[in-house]
Amino acid sequence: MNTSLRPCPESYSKYCYNEGTCYATFAGYGRNFRPICRCAKDFHGPHCEYLFNPDVYGFAVSEEIENKALSTLAIILFLVIIGLIWCLILQRGYRMYSNRMTSQLDGISSNEV
């Protein structure tokens, strides 16, 4: 089955609304075609008759919400880094304390012998 896409005939110039572009899909080798619309930005529907409403579809995010999300992410990342540094400091202190205790115990056991 051969399918091609060409601009619609002039008689279909008003087929698509809101600056949509009409294309004719020809299936097979006949002269029968089906018009379809390629819609302009923010429009959809068979004839581009519907305005995309981000409040209904929920895909668009306002700049304010985006900024709040980025700020929150930056704060969380900062706190995680501070937490990791704190853990490394505690681990190093524990290791130094452990080494000191081990060397003191070694000194006690060597004096007893």
C-alpha atoms as a PDB file:
ATOM      1  CA  MET A   1       0.000   0.000   0.000  1.00  0.00           C
ATOM      2  CA  ASN A   2       1.468   3.311  -1.134  1.00  0.00           C
ATOM      3  CA  THR A   3       0.794   6.347   1.100  1.00  0.00           C
ATOM      4  CA  SER A   4       1.912   9.869   0.276  1.00  0.00           C
ATOM      5  CA  LEU A   5       1.402  13.279   1.830  1.00  0.00           C
ATOM      6  CA  ARG A   6       0.861  16.441  -0.227  1.00  0.00           C
ATOM      7  CA  PRO A   7      -0.599  19.892   0.381  1.00  0.00           C
ATOM      8  CA  CYS A   8      -4.399  19.940   0.203  1.00  0.00           C
ATOM      9  CA  PRO A   9      -6.165  21.292  -2.887  1.00  0.00           C
ATOM     10  CA  GLU A  10      -7.120  24.989  -2.781  1.00  0.00           C
ATOM     11  CA  SER A  11     -10.751  24.070  -2.062  1.00  0.00           C
ATOM     12  CA  TYR A  12      -9.574  22.847   1.386  1.00  0.00           C
ATOM     13  CA  SER A  13      -7.813  26.097   2.315  1.00  0.00           C
ATOM     14  CA  LYS A  14     -10.201  26.637   5.269  1.00  0.00           C
ATOM     15  CA  TYR A  15     -10.174  22.999   6.437  1.00  0.00           C
ATOM     16  CA  CYS A  16      -7.692  23.680   9.276  1.00  0.00           C
ATOM     17  CA  TYR A  17      -8.219  26.475  11.807  1.00  0.00           C
ATOM     18  CA  ASN A  18      -5.798  28.617  13.814  1.00  0.00           C
ATOM     19  CA  GLU A  19      -3.025  28.663  11.202  1.00  0.00           C
ATOM     20  CA  GLY A  20      -2.984  24.889  10.850  1.00  0.00           C
ATOM     21  CA  THR A  21      -1.677  23.492   7.553  1.00  0.00           C
ATOM     22  CA  CYS A  22      -3.810  21.064   5.566  1.00  0.00           C
ATOM     23  CA  TYR A  23      -2.205  18.001   4.006  1.00  0.00           C
ATOM     24  CA  ALA A  24      -3.847  15.359   1.864  1.00  0.00           C
ATOM     25  CA  THR A  25      -2.991  11.726   2.463  1.00  0.00           C
ATOM     26  CA  PHE A  26      -3.349   9.580  -0.618  1.00  0.00           C
ATOM     27  CA  ALA A  27      -3.657   5.869   0.057  1.00  0.00           C
ATOM     28  CA  GLY A  28      -3.052   3.401  -2.707  1.00  0.00           C
ATOM     29  CA  TYR A  29      -2.989   4.533  -6.330  1.00  0.00           C
ATOM     30  CA  GLY A  30      -6.431   6.143  -6.498  1.00  0.00           C
ATOM     31  CA  ARG A  31      -7.447   9.781  -6.442  1.00  0.00           C
ATOM     32  CA  ASN A  32      -9.224   9.500  -3.073  1.00  0.00           C
ATOM     33  CA  PHE A  33      -7.539  11.382  -0.293  1.00  0.00           C
ATOM     34  CA  ARG A  34      -8.124  12.170   3.335  1.00  0.00           C
ATOM     35  CA  PRO A  35      -7.269  15.663   4.607  1.00  0.00           C
ATOM     36  CA  ILE A  36      -5.294  15.973   7.830  1.00  0.00           C
ATOM     37  CA  CYS A  37      -4.086  19.053   9.686  1.00  0.00           C
ATOM     38  CA  ARG A  38      -0.663  19.874  11.047  1.00  0.00           C
ATOM     39  CA  CYS A  39      -1.508  22.270  13.846  1.00  0.00           C
ATOM     40  CA  ALA A  40       0.352  25.393  14.882  1.00  0.00           C
ATOM     41  CA  LYS A  41       1.934  25.543  18.332  1.00  0.00           C
ATOM     42  CA  ASP A  42      -0.561  25.335  21.220  1.00  0.00           C
ATOM     43  CA  PHE A  43      -3.424  23.979  19.072  1.00  0.00           C
ATOM     44  CA  HIS A  44      -4.690  20.448  18.528  1.00  0.00           C
ATOM     45  CA  GLY A  45      -7.670  18.507  17.245  1.00  0.00           C
ATOM     46  CA  PRO A  46      -8.748  17.153  13.846  1.00  0.00           C
ATOM     47  CA  HIS A  47      -9.079  20.715  12.501  1.00  0.00           C
ATOM     48  CA  CYS A  48      -6.735  22.455  15.000  1.00  0.00           C
ATOM     49  CA  GLU A  49      -9.850  23.819  16.668  1.00  0.00           C
ATOM     50  CA  TYR A  50      -8.763  23.281  20.277  1.00  0.00           C
ATOM     51  CA  LEU A  51      -6.381  25.482  22.198  1.00  0.00           C
ATOM     52  CA  PHE A  52      -3.910  23.557  24.322  1.00  0.00           C
ATOM     53  CA  ASN A  53      -4.679  24.435  27.941  1.00  0.00           C
ATOM     54  CA  PRO A  54      -1.833  23.536  30.325  1.00  0.00           C
ATOM     55  CA  ASP A  55      -4.176  23.891  33.319  1.00  0.00           C
ATOM     56  CA  VAL A  56      -6.273  21.034  31.954  1.00  0.00           C
ATOM     57  CA  TYR A  57      -3.474  18.814  30.649  1.00  0.00           C
ATOM     58  CA  GLY A  58      -0.909  19.654  33.320  1.00  0.00           C
ATOM     59  CA  PHE A  59       2.156  19.493  31.070  1.00  0.00           C
ATOM     60  CA  ALA A  60       3.262  23.095  31.318  1.00  0.00           C
ATOM     61  CA  VAL A  61       5.023  24.356  34.424  1.00  0.00           C
ATOM     62  CA  SER A  62       5.062  28.014  35.342  1.00  0.00           C
ATOM     63  CA  GLU A  63       8.399  29.744  35.755  1.00  0.00           C
ATOM     64  CA  GLU A  64       7.648  30.408  39.427  1.00  0.00           C
ATOM     65  CA  ILE A  65       7.067  26.709  40.153  1.00  0.00           C
ATOM     66  CA  GLU A  66      10.170  25.786  38.175  1.00  0.00           C
ATOM     67  CA  ASN A  67      12.282  28.277  40.170  1.00  0.00           C
ATOM     68  CA  LYS A  68      10.916  26.957  43.475  1.00  0.00           C
ATOM     69  CA  ALA A  69      11.684  23.389  42.435  1.00  0.00           C
ATOM     70  CA  LEU A  70      15.245  24.285  41.437  1.00  0.00           C
ATOM     71  CA  SER A  71      15.792  26.199  44.696  1.00  0.00           C
ATOM     72  CA  THR A  72      14.506  23.260  46.723  1.00  0.00           C
ATOM     73  CA  LEU A  73      16.743  20.867  44.804  1.00  0.00           C
ATOM     74  CA  ALA A  74      19.779  23.119  45.381  1.00  0.00           C
ATOM     75  CA  ILE A  75      19.076  23.288  49.140  1.00  0.00           C
ATOM     76  CA  ILE A  76      18.648  19.511  49.386  1.00  0.00           C
ATOM     77  CA  LEU A  77      21.869  18.934  47.435  1.00  0.00           C
ATOM     78  CA  PHE A  78      23.728  21.389  49.707  1.00  0.00           C
ATOM     79  CA  LEU A  79      22.446  19.627  52.834  1.00  0.00           C
ATOM     80  CA  VAL A  80      23.431  16.215  51.464  1.00  0.00           C
ATOM     81  CA  ILE A  81      26.959  17.467  50.751  1.00  0.00           C
ATOM     82  CA  ILE A  82      27.225  18.964  54.259  1.00  0.00           C
ATOM     83  CA  GLY A  83      25.977  15.656  55.709  1.00  0.00           C
ATOM     84  CA  LEU A  84      28.584  13.675  53.766  1.00  0.00           C
ATOM     85  CA  ILE A  85      31.365  15.997  54.918  1.00  0.00           C
ATOM     86  CA  TRP A  86      30.156  15.663  58.522  1.00  0.00           C
ATOM     87  CA  CYS A  87      30.140  11.852  58.227  1.00  0.00           C
ATOM     88  CA  LEU A  88      33.699  11.877  56.853  1.00  0.00           C
ATOM     89  CA  ILE A  89      34.866  14.084  59.730  1.00  0.00           C
ATOM     90  CA  LEU A  90      33.222  11.790  62.289  1.00  0.00           C
ATOM     91  CA  GLN A  91      34.677   8.697  60.641  1.00  0.00           C
ATOM     92  CA  ARG A  92      38.168  10.202  60.633  1.00  0.00           C
ATOM     93  CA  GLY A  93      37.839  11.183  64.298  1.00  0.00           C
ATOM     94  CA  TYR A  94      36.644   7.689  65.218  1.00  0.00           C
ATOM     95  CA  ARG A  95      39.515   6.131  63.287  1.00  0.00           C
ATOM     96  CA  MET A  96      42.067   8.363  65.065  1.00  0.00           C
ATOM     97  CA  TYR A  97      40.499   7.542  68.461  1.00  0.00           C
ATOM     98  CA  SER A  98      40.494   3.829  67.635  1.00  0.00           C
ATOM     99  CA  ASN A  99      44.159   3.922  66.573  1.00  0.00           C
ATOM    100  CA  ARG A 100      45.102   5.769  69.784  1.00  0.00           C
ATOM    101  CA  MET A 101      43.269   3.222  71.936  1.00  0.00           C
ATOM    102  CA  THR A 102      44.889   0.328  70.058  1.00  0.00           C
ATOM    103  CA  SER A 103      48.382   1.774  70.517  1.00  0.00           C
ATOM    104  CA  GLN A 104      47.717   2.345  74.245  1.00  0.00           C
ATOM    105  CA  LEU A 105      46.543  -1.250  74.624  1.00  0.00           C
ATOM    106  CA  ASP A 106      49.626  -2.462  72.764  1.00  0.00           C
ATOM    107  CA  GLY A 107      51.787  -0.444  75.167  1.00  0.00           C
ATOM    108  CA  ILE A 108      50.078  -1.967  78.212  1.00  0.00           C
ATOM    109  CA  SER A 109      50.411  -5.535  76.960  1.00  0.00           C
ATOM    110  CA  SER A 110      54.110  -5.092  76.057  1.00  0.00           C
ATOM    111  CA  ASN A 111      54.874  -3.679  79.543  1.00  0.00           C
ATOM    112  CA  GLU A 112      53.282  -6.706  81.195  1.00  0.00           C
ATOM    113  CA  VAL A 113      55.498  -9.177  79.351  1.00  0.00           C
END
